[in-house]
Amino acid sequence: METIKSVAEYISFVQGFEQKHIAQWYFRGHANENYRLIPALFRLNPADSLADWPDLEKYMMEAFIREAALYLKIRPKTPDEWLTLAQHHGLPTRLLDWTTSPLIALYFAVEHFEVKAPAAVWCYGVSSTKHDIEESTWMARQIHAEPATPIIFPFHISQRVTNQGGCFTKHDFPDPGEPFIEFDKQPNPHNHFFRFRIEHEHKVAILNELYLLGIHRGFIYPDLDGICQKIKFEVSAKHKRHTNEMQLQHLLSKNKPAV
């Protein structure tokens, strides 16, 4: 685990990630580093509902499909499309959200900078079946990935999914009576994990750096709510302004009066 203090430091580490034996890296940001890699469905206590997890999922998904129809412009065609739509709108499912963008994940980690705990970005690497080849394309990396856990690239039901580079890992039900093992602790040689840590005092600075790069709430949530939250951030978040000595001297030299 590396502790990072700036976007530049973070990107420097990510650019150095293994790319030959790992076909693809996925990223996930947490406002609190103690949040564990457990899908929301498996955070429910089946005993509270007098049911097991498969029955809970079956009931919730049947209800969602039945009651969501009124609000849909495009109707999902497969069970996985329904599952991702339900996940997108907050229903507890056995999916975990990931993104193909390290900057989006970093934004989610520091977005709620008022959380006093350190934040974290999880990185999940999928093994490559063609790691003997030095050159590749992004298409080939996905084709020759060897995910031990199914990865779903969702139907783009909204601009949010597109902008966030969203995807999901889909997790199996544990054996009856057994707990769900945290994703990063499951004994599988094809799953590779790395974690970044961001101390609370660096969250606002990183959030402002991301804003400068065009990664802000208006981009992450491209709707009227996102626009309003972006404007609110512009007038409320505070950040110490830094100076660049080399650029400053250049500016001063340009403004010197001619002799």
C-alpha atoms as a PDB file:
ATOM      1  CA  MET A   1       0.000   0.000   0.000  1.00  0.00           C
ATOM      2  CA  GLU A   2       1.257   3.459  -0.923  1.00  0.00           C
ATOM      3  CA  THR A   3       0.214   6.726   0.725  1.00  0.00           C
ATOM      4  CA  ILE A   4      -0.235   9.506  -1.832  1.00  0.00           C
ATOM      5  CA  LYS A   5      -0.520  13.264  -1.327  1.00  0.00           C
ATOM      6  CA  SER A   6      -1.248  14.546  -4.840  1.00  0.00           C
ATOM      7  CA  VAL A   7      -2.717  13.578  -8.196  1.00  0.00           C
ATOM      8  CA  ALA A   8       0.729  13.703  -9.807  1.00  0.00           C
ATOM      9  CA  GLU A   9       2.139  11.258  -7.268  1.00  0.00           C
ATOM     10  CA  TYR A  10      -0.847   8.959  -7.751  1.00  0.00           C
ATOM     11  CA  ILE A  11      -0.587   8.970 -11.554  1.00  0.00           C
ATOM     12  CA  SER A  12       3.143   8.312 -11.331  1.00  0.00           C
ATOM     13  CA  PHE A  13       2.470   5.131  -9.353  1.00  0.00           C
ATOM     14  CA  VAL A  14      -0.376   4.004 -11.646  1.00  0.00           C
ATOM     15  CA  GLN A  15       1.738   4.497 -14.766  1.00  0.00           C
ATOM     16  CA  GLY A  16       4.304   2.156 -13.240  1.00  0.00           C
ATOM     17  CA  PHE A  17       1.810  -0.677 -12.717  1.00  0.00           C
ATOM     18  CA  GLU A  18       2.565  -4.049 -14.287  1.00  0.00           C
ATOM     19  CA  GLN A  19       0.986  -4.100 -17.750  1.00  0.00           C
ATOM     20  CA  LYS A  20       2.509  -7.193 -19.342  1.00  0.00           C
ATOM     21  CA  HIS A  21       1.299  -9.923 -16.996  1.00  0.00           C
ATOM     22  CA  ILE A  22      -1.811  -7.930 -16.064  1.00  0.00           C
ATOM     23  CA  ALA A  23      -4.256  -7.479 -18.935  1.00  0.00           C
ATOM     24  CA  GLN A  24      -6.387  -4.805 -17.298  1.00  0.00           C
ATOM     25  CA  TRP A  25      -6.486  -2.781 -14.082  1.00  0.00           C
ATOM     26  CA  TYR A  26      -9.762  -1.652 -12.523  1.00  0.00           C
ATOM     27  CA  PHE A  27     -10.156   0.969  -9.789  1.00  0.00           C
ATOM     28  CA  ARG A  28     -12.525   1.683  -6.922  1.00  0.00           C
ATOM     29  CA  GLY A  29     -12.497   4.631  -4.498  1.00  0.00           C
ATOM     30  CA  HIS A  30     -13.602   4.551  -0.847  1.00  0.00           C
ATOM     31  CA  ALA A  31     -14.076   7.614   1.368  1.00  0.00           C
ATOM     32  CA  ASN A  32     -13.030   5.463   4.342  1.00  0.00           C
ATOM     33  CA  GLU A  33     -10.102   3.063   4.009  1.00  0.00           C
ATOM     34  CA  ASN A  34     -11.798   0.607   6.373  1.00  0.00           C
ATOM     35  CA  TYR A  35     -14.610  -0.098   3.895  1.00  0.00           C
ATOM     36  CA  ARG A  36     -14.281  -3.715   2.789  1.00  0.00           C
ATOM     37  CA  LEU A  37     -14.721  -5.243  -0.664  1.00  0.00           C
ATOM     38  CA  ILE A  38     -18.095  -6.833   0.026  1.00  0.00           C
ATOM     39  CA  PRO A  39     -21.101  -6.352  -2.306  1.00  0.00           C
ATOM     40  CA  ALA A  40     -24.116  -4.673  -0.706  1.00  0.00           C
ATOM     41  CA  LEU A  41     -26.255  -7.815  -0.915  1.00  0.00           C
ATOM     42  CA  PHE A  42     -23.814  -9.712   1.293  1.00  0.00           C
ATOM     43  CA  ARG A  43     -23.878  -6.910   3.850  1.00  0.00           C
ATOM     44  CA  LEU A  44     -27.503  -7.770   4.537  1.00  0.00           C
ATOM     45  CA  ASN A  45     -28.219 -10.248   7.322  1.00  0.00           C
ATOM     46  CA  PRO A  46     -30.375 -13.010   5.815  1.00  0.00           C
ATOM     47  CA  ALA A  47     -31.662 -13.909   9.259  1.00  0.00           C
ATOM     48  CA  ASP A  48     -33.343 -10.498   9.503  1.00  0.00           C
ATOM     49  CA  SER A  49     -35.443 -11.364   6.461  1.00  0.00           C
ATOM     50  CA  LEU A  50     -35.992 -15.041   7.302  1.00  0.00           C
ATOM     51  CA  ALA A  51     -34.405 -15.918   3.961  1.00  0.00           C
ATOM     52  CA  ASP A  52     -31.061 -16.722   2.405  1.00  0.00           C
ATOM     53  CA  TRP A  53     -29.132 -14.517  -0.036  1.00  0.00           C
ATOM     54  CA  PRO A  54     -30.390 -16.209  -3.252  1.00  0.00           C
ATOM     55  CA  ASP A  55     -33.988 -15.766  -2.077  1.00  0.00           C
ATOM     56  CA  LEU A  56     -33.308 -12.142  -1.125  1.00  0.00           C
ATOM     57  CA  GLU A  57     -31.879 -11.408  -4.562  1.00  0.00           C
ATOM     58  CA  LYS A  58     -34.741 -13.228  -6.306  1.00  0.00           C
ATOM     59  CA  TYR A  59     -37.387 -11.282  -4.397  1.00  0.00           C
ATOM     60  CA  MET A  60     -35.730  -7.868  -4.784  1.00  0.00           C
ATOM     61  CA  MET A  61     -35.003  -8.312  -8.488  1.00  0.00           C
ATOM     62  CA  GLU A  62     -38.502  -9.564  -9.284  1.00  0.00           C
ATOM     63  CA  ALA A  63     -39.972  -6.568  -7.438  1.00  0.00           C
ATOM     64  CA  PHE A  64     -37.573  -4.176  -9.152  1.00  0.00           C
ATOM     65  CA  ILE A  65     -38.315  -5.502 -12.651  1.00  0.00           C
ATOM     66  CA  ARG A  66     -42.044  -5.343 -11.985  1.00  0.00           C
ATOM     67  CA  GLU A  67     -42.096  -1.841 -10.511  1.00  0.00           C
ATOM     68  CA  ALA A  68     -39.359  -0.143 -12.560  1.00  0.00           C
ATOM     69  CA  ALA A  69     -41.048  -0.623 -15.936  1.00  0.00           C
ATOM     70  CA  LEU A  70     -43.027   2.620 -15.626  1.00  0.00           C
ATOM     71  CA  TYR A  71     -39.840   4.698 -15.395  1.00  0.00           C
ATOM     72  CA  LEU A  72     -37.795   3.128 -18.172  1.00  0.00           C
ATOM     73  CA  LYS A  73     -37.189   4.562 -21.628  1.00  0.00           C
ATOM     74  CA  ILE A  74     -35.022   1.576 -22.577  1.00  0.00           C
ATOM     75  CA  ARG A  75     -35.874  -1.824 -21.122  1.00  0.00           C
ATOM     76  CA  PRO A  76     -32.935  -4.122 -20.177  1.00  0.00           C
ATOM     77  CA  LYS A  77     -32.802  -7.336 -22.180  1.00  0.00           C
ATOM     78  CA  THR A  78     -30.752  -9.695 -20.001  1.00  0.00           C
ATOM     79  CA  PRO A  79     -30.589 -10.610 -16.293  1.00  0.00           C
ATOM     80  CA  ASP A  80     -27.174  -8.935 -16.017  1.00  0.00           C
ATOM     81  CA  GLU A  81     -28.538  -5.726 -17.554  1.00  0.00           C
ATOM     82  CA  TRP A  82     -31.344  -5.716 -14.985  1.00  0.00           C
ATOM     83  CA  LEU A  83     -28.831  -6.408 -12.223  1.00  0.00           C
ATOM     84  CA  THR A  84     -26.594  -3.503 -13.263  1.00  0.00           C
ATOM     85  CA  LEU A  85     -29.572  -1.152 -13.566  1.00  0.00           C
ATOM     86  CA  ALA A  86     -30.710  -2.106 -10.059  1.00  0.00           C
ATOM     87  CA  GLN A  87     -27.164  -1.620  -8.732  1.00  0.00           C
ATOM     88  CA  HIS A  88     -26.961   1.760 -10.469  1.00  0.00           C
ATOM     89  CA  HIS A  89     -30.046   2.952  -8.594  1.00  0.00           C
ATOM     90  CA  GLY A  90     -29.028   1.664  -5.175  1.00  0.00           C
ATOM     91  CA  LEU A  91     -30.589  -1.775  -4.822  1.00  0.00           C
ATOM     92  CA  PRO A  92     -28.327  -4.162  -2.849  1.00  0.00           C
ATOM     93  CA  THR A  93     -26.886  -6.628  -5.351  1.00  0.00           C
ATOM     94  CA  ARG A  94     -23.940  -9.017  -5.575  1.00  0.00           C
ATOM     95  CA  LEU A  95     -22.097  -6.612  -7.852  1.00  0.00           C
ATOM     96  CA  LEU A  96     -19.136  -4.427  -6.895  1.00  0.00           C
ATOM     97  CA  ASP A  97     -18.670  -1.146  -8.768  1.00  0.00           C
ATOM     98  CA  TRP A  98     -15.342  -0.512 -10.502  1.00  0.00           C
ATOM     99  CA  THR A  99     -14.082   1.943 -13.081  1.00  0.00           C
ATOM    100  CA  THR A 100     -11.486   1.693 -15.815  1.00  0.00           C
ATOM    101  CA  SER A 101     -10.344   5.247 -14.920  1.00  0.00           C
ATOM    102  CA  PRO A 102      -7.908   5.744 -12.021  1.00  0.00           C
ATOM    103  CA  LEU A 103      -8.884   9.438 -11.827  1.00  0.00           C
ATOM    104  CA  ILE A 104     -12.586   8.645 -11.427  1.00  0.00           C
ATOM    105  CA  ALA A 105     -11.769   6.232  -8.591  1.00  0.00           C
ATOM    106  CA  LEU A 106      -9.578   8.862  -6.929  1.00  0.00           C
ATOM    107  CA  TYR A 107     -12.444  11.346  -7.160  1.00  0.00           C
ATOM    108  CA  PHE A 108     -14.817   8.932  -5.403  1.00  0.00           C
ATOM    109  CA  ALA A 109     -12.200   8.449  -2.669  1.00  0.00           C
ATOM    110  CA  VAL A 110     -11.879  12.171  -1.871  1.00  0.00           C
ATOM    111  CA  GLU A 111     -15.329  13.427  -2.917  1.00  0.00           C
ATOM    112  CA  HIS A 112     -16.618  13.382   0.666  1.00  0.00           C
ATOM    113  CA  PHE A 113     -13.613  15.166   2.140  1.00  0.00           C
ATOM    114  CA  GLU A 114     -15.523  15.866   5.346  1.00  0.00           C
ATOM    115  CA  VAL A 115     -15.045  12.189   6.320  1.00  0.00           C
ATOM    116  CA  LYS A 116     -12.240  12.353   8.875  1.00  0.00           C
ATOM    117  CA  ALA A 117     -10.829   8.892   8.181  1.00  0.00           C
ATOM    118  CA  PRO A 118      -8.166   8.241   5.518  1.00  0.00           C
ATOM    119  CA  ALA A 119      -9.545   7.366   2.075  1.00  0.00           C
ATOM    120  CA  ALA A 120      -8.459   4.528  -0.185  1.00  0.00           C
ATOM    121  CA  VAL A 121      -8.338   3.554  -3.853  1.00  0.00           C
ATOM    122  CA  TRP A 122      -8.443  -0.161  -4.569  1.00  0.00           C
ATOM    123  CA  CYS A 123      -6.796  -1.441  -7.755  1.00  0.00           C
ATOM    124  CA  TYR A 124      -7.833  -4.834  -9.128  1.00  0.00           C
ATOM    125  CA  GLY A 125      -5.605  -6.458 -11.747  1.00  0.00           C
ATOM    126  CA  VAL A 126      -6.778  -9.232 -14.061  1.00  0.00           C
ATOM    127  CA  SER A 127      -4.143 -11.688 -15.281  1.00  0.00           C
ATOM    128  CA  SER A 128      -3.200 -11.778 -18.971  1.00  0.00           C
ATOM    129  CA  THR A 129      -3.173 -14.957 -21.048  1.00  0.00           C
ATOM    130  CA  LYS A 130      -0.788 -13.317 -23.562  1.00  0.00           C
ATOM    131  CA  HIS A 131       1.839 -11.879 -21.194  1.00  0.00           C
ATOM    132  CA  ASP A 132       4.674 -13.104 -23.435  1.00  0.00           C
ATOM    133  CA  ILE A 133       3.813 -10.416 -26.005  1.00  0.00           C
ATOM    134  CA  GLU A 134       5.332  -6.995 -25.307  1.00  0.00           C
ATOM    135  CA  GLU A 135       3.060  -4.963 -27.597  1.00  0.00           C
ATOM    136  CA  SER A 136      -0.711  -4.980 -27.390  1.00  0.00           C
ATOM    137  CA  THR A 137      -3.883  -2.980 -27.977  1.00  0.00           C
ATOM    138  CA  TRP A 138      -6.606  -2.100 -25.494  1.00  0.00           C
ATOM    139  CA  MET A 139      -8.906  -4.491 -27.361  1.00  0.00           C
ATOM    140  CA  ALA A 140      -6.404  -7.340 -27.106  1.00  0.00           C
ATOM    141  CA  ARG A 141      -5.931  -6.698 -23.397  1.00  0.00           C
ATOM    142  CA  GLN A 142      -9.633  -7.227 -22.771  1.00  0.00           C
ATOM    143  CA  ILE A 143      -9.865 -10.236 -25.076  1.00  0.00           C
ATOM    144  CA  HIS A 144      -6.840 -11.899 -23.446  1.00  0.00           C
ATOM    145  CA  ALA A 145      -7.797 -11.123 -19.864  1.00  0.00           C
ATOM    146  CA  GLU A 146      -8.346 -14.039 -17.540  1.00  0.00           C
ATOM    147  CA  PRO A 147     -10.789 -12.818 -14.878  1.00  0.00           C
ATOM    148  CA  ALA A 148     -11.446 -15.339 -12.154  1.00  0.00           C
ATOM    149  CA  THR A 149     -14.496 -13.264 -11.227  1.00  0.00           C
ATOM    150  CA  PRO A 150     -16.905 -12.288 -14.035  1.00  0.00           C
ATOM    151  CA  ILE A 151     -16.635  -8.651 -15.122  1.00  0.00           C
ATOM    152  CA  ILE A 152     -19.700  -6.917 -16.527  1.00  0.00           C
ATOM    153  CA  PHE A 153     -19.407  -3.900 -18.799  1.00  0.00           C
ATOM    154  CA  PRO A 154     -22.898  -2.450 -18.485  1.00  0.00           C
ATOM    155  CA  PHE A 155     -25.267  -1.270 -21.134  1.00  0.00           C
ATOM    156  CA  HIS A 156     -24.895   2.522 -21.106  1.00  0.00           C
ATOM    157  CA  ILE A 157     -28.234   3.352 -19.560  1.00  0.00           C
ATOM    158  CA  SER A 158     -27.176   6.888 -18.660  1.00  0.00           C
ATOM    159  CA  GLN A 159     -24.463   9.464 -19.265  1.00  0.00           C
ATOM    160  CA  ARG A 160     -23.193   8.694 -15.760  1.00  0.00           C
ATOM    161  CA  VAL A 161     -22.166   5.187 -16.742  1.00  0.00           C
ATOM    162  CA  THR A 162     -20.312   6.521 -19.787  1.00  0.00           C
ATOM    163  CA  ASN A 163     -18.493   9.332 -17.969  1.00  0.00           C
ATOM    164  CA  GLN A 164     -17.565   7.168 -15.008  1.00  0.00           C
ATOM    165  CA  GLY A 165     -16.127   4.325 -17.119  1.00  0.00           C
ATOM    166  CA  GLY A 166     -18.217   2.021 -14.979  1.00  0.00           C
ATOM    167  CA  CYS A 167     -18.021  -1.761 -14.808  1.00  0.00           C
ATOM    168  CA  PHE A 168     -18.775  -4.417 -12.208  1.00  0.00           C
ATOM    169  CA  THR A 169     -17.460  -7.640 -10.772  1.00  0.00           C
ATOM    170  CA  LYS A 170     -20.214 -10.223 -10.282  1.00  0.00           C
ATOM    171  CA  HIS A 171     -19.803 -12.445  -7.242  1.00  0.00           C
ATOM    172  CA  ASP A 172     -21.100 -15.935  -6.565  1.00  0.00           C
ATOM    173  CA  PHE A 173     -23.238 -16.818  -3.595  1.00  0.00           C
ATOM    174  CA  PRO A 174     -21.308 -18.431  -0.730  1.00  0.00           C
ATOM    175  CA  ASP A 175     -22.200 -21.964   0.283  1.00  0.00           C
ATOM    176  CA  PRO A 176     -25.327 -22.093   2.500  1.00  0.00           C
ATOM    177  CA  GLY A 177     -24.544 -20.876   5.996  1.00  0.00           C
ATOM    178  CA  GLU A 178     -21.110 -19.545   5.027  1.00  0.00           C
ATOM    179  CA  PRO A 179     -20.142 -15.840   5.092  1.00  0.00           C
ATOM    180  CA  PHE A 180     -19.006 -13.955   2.010  1.00  0.00           C
ATOM    181  CA  ILE A 181     -15.202 -13.732   1.919  1.00  0.00           C
ATOM    182  CA  GLU A 182     -13.948 -10.237   1.108  1.00  0.00           C
ATOM    183  CA  PHE A 183     -12.995 -10.038  -2.552  1.00  0.00           C
ATOM    184  CA  ASP A 184      -9.341  -9.211  -1.911  1.00  0.00           C
ATOM    185  CA  LYS A 185      -9.018 -12.092   0.570  1.00  0.00           C
ATOM    186  CA  GLN A 186     -10.378 -14.817  -1.671  1.00  0.00           C
ATOM    187  CA  PRO A 187      -7.658 -17.393  -2.459  1.00  0.00           C
ATOM    188  CA  ASN A 188      -7.341 -16.997  -6.201  1.00  0.00           C
ATOM    189  CA  PRO A 189      -4.002 -16.638  -8.028  1.00  0.00           C
ATOM    190  CA  HIS A 190      -5.610 -14.715 -10.908  1.00  0.00           C
ATOM    191  CA  ASN A 191      -6.810 -11.843  -8.721  1.00  0.00           C
ATOM    192  CA  HIS A 192      -4.266  -9.110  -7.970  1.00  0.00           C
ATOM    193  CA  PHE A 193      -4.900  -6.192  -5.643  1.00  0.00           C
ATOM    194  CA  PHE A 194      -3.129  -2.987  -4.703  1.00  0.00           C
ATOM    195  CA  ARG A 195      -4.330  -0.176  -2.473  1.00  0.00           C
ATOM    196  CA  PHE A 196      -3.563   3.527  -2.214  1.00  0.00           C
ATOM    197  CA  ARG A 197      -4.110   5.473   1.013  1.00  0.00           C
ATOM    198  CA  ILE A 198      -5.013   9.175   1.193  1.00  0.00           C
ATOM    199  CA  GLU A 199      -4.790  10.930   4.547  1.00  0.00           C
ATOM    200  CA  HIS A 200      -7.734  13.139   5.463  1.00  0.00           C
ATOM    201  CA  GLU A 201      -5.691  16.349   5.359  1.00  0.00           C
ATOM    202  CA  HIS A 202      -4.850  15.814   1.658  1.00  0.00           C
ATOM    203  CA  LYS A 203      -8.380  15.161   0.381  1.00  0.00           C
ATOM    204  CA  VAL A 204      -9.371  18.756  -0.418  1.00  0.00           C
ATOM    205  CA  ALA A 205      -6.089  19.486  -2.199  1.00  0.00           C
ATOM    206  CA  ILE A 206      -6.496  16.390  -4.369  1.00  0.00           C
ATOM    207  CA  LEU A 207     -10.140  17.269  -5.051  1.00  0.00           C
ATOM    208  CA  ASN A 208      -9.053  20.689  -6.303  1.00  0.00           C
ATOM    209  CA  GLU A 209      -6.331  19.150  -8.474  1.00  0.00           C
ATOM    210  CA  LEU A 210      -8.923  16.844 -10.021  1.00  0.00           C
ATOM    211  CA  TYR A 211     -11.189  19.841 -10.648  1.00  0.00           C
ATOM    212  CA  LEU A 212      -8.349  21.470 -12.588  1.00  0.00           C
ATOM    213  CA  LEU A 213      -8.175  18.307 -14.740  1.00  0.00           C
ATOM    214  CA  GLY A 214     -11.915  18.361 -15.470  1.00  0.00           C
ATOM    215  CA  ILE A 215     -12.802  15.603 -12.999  1.00  0.00           C
ATOM    216  CA  HIS A 216     -15.535  17.164 -10.878  1.00  0.00           C
ATOM    217  CA  ARG A 217     -19.103  16.474  -9.831  1.00  0.00           C
ATOM    218  CA  GLY A 218     -20.555  18.029 -12.984  1.00  0.00           C
ATOM    219  CA  PHE A 219     -18.599  15.480 -15.046  1.00  0.00           C
ATOM    220  CA  ILE A 220     -19.105  12.516 -12.723  1.00  0.00           C
ATOM    221  CA  TYR A 221     -22.857  13.188 -12.426  1.00  0.00           C
ATOM    222  CA  PRO A 222     -23.811  14.851 -15.746  1.00  0.00           C
ATOM    223  CA  ASP A 223     -27.248  16.138 -14.788  1.00  0.00           C
ATOM    224  CA  LEU A 224     -28.757  19.197 -13.096  1.00  0.00           C
ATOM    225  CA  ASP A 225     -27.900  17.854  -9.626  1.00  0.00           C
ATOM    226  CA  GLY A 226     -24.271  17.379 -10.658  1.00  0.00           C
ATOM    227  CA  ILE A 227     -24.057  20.888 -12.111  1.00  0.00           C
ATOM    228  CA  CYS A 228     -25.428  22.405  -8.903  1.00  0.00           C
ATOM    229  CA  GLN A 229     -23.010  20.410  -6.755  1.00  0.00           C
ATOM    230  CA  LYS A 230     -20.090  21.498  -8.956  1.00  0.00           C
ATOM    231  CA  ILE A 231     -21.076  25.159  -8.559  1.00  0.00           C
ATOM    232  CA  LYS A 232     -21.470  24.671  -4.811  1.00  0.00           C
ATOM    233  CA  PHE A 233     -17.953  23.199  -4.684  1.00  0.00           C
ATOM    234  CA  GLU A 234     -16.599  26.205  -6.565  1.00  0.00           C
ATOM    235  CA  VAL A 235     -17.797  28.596  -3.870  1.00  0.00           C
ATOM    236  CA  SER A 236     -17.243  26.478  -0.766  1.00  0.00           C
ATOM    237  CA  ALA A 237     -14.122  24.307  -0.986  1.00  0.00           C
ATOM    238  CA  LYS A 238     -10.891  25.936   0.132  1.00  0.00           C
ATOM    239  CA  HIS A 239      -7.440  25.209  -1.204  1.00  0.00           C
ATOM    240  CA  LYS A 240      -4.074  26.825  -0.602  1.00  0.00           C
ATOM    241  CA  ARG A 241      -2.802  28.364  -3.825  1.00  0.00           C
ATOM    242  CA  HIS A 242       0.735  27.382  -4.706  1.00  0.00           C
ATOM    243  CA  THR A 243       3.303  29.192  -6.802  1.00  0.00           C
ATOM    244  CA  ASN A 244       5.727  27.941  -9.428  1.00  0.00           C
ATOM    245  CA  GLU A 245       9.009  29.807  -9.095  1.00  0.00           C
ATOM    246  CA  MET A 246      10.182  29.144 -12.662  1.00  0.00           C
ATOM    247  CA  GLN A 247       6.897  30.277 -14.203  1.00  0.00           C
ATOM    248  CA  LEU A 248       6.763  33.272 -11.871  1.00  0.00           C
ATOM    249  CA  GLN A 249      10.203  34.477 -12.931  1.00  0.00           C
ATOM    250  CA  HIS A 250       9.164  34.085 -16.568  1.00  0.00           C
ATOM    251  CA  LEU A 251       6.022  36.159 -15.990  1.00  0.00           C
ATOM    252  CA  LEU A 252       7.963  38.847 -14.136  1.00  0.00           C
ATOM    253  CA  SER A 253      10.589  39.041 -16.882  1.00  0.00           C
ATOM    254  CA  LYS A 254       7.883  39.588 -19.518  1.00  0.00           C
ATOM    255  CA  ASN A 255       6.450  42.491 -17.501  1.00  0.00           C
ATOM    256  CA  LYS A 256       9.749  44.312 -16.974  1.00  0.00           C
ATOM    257  CA  PRO A 257       9.713  47.764 -18.579  1.00  0.00           C
ATOM    258  CA  ALA A 258      12.028  48.222 -21.504  1.00  0.00           C
ATOM    259  CA  VAL A 259      15.207  50.217 -20.714  1.00  0.00           C
END
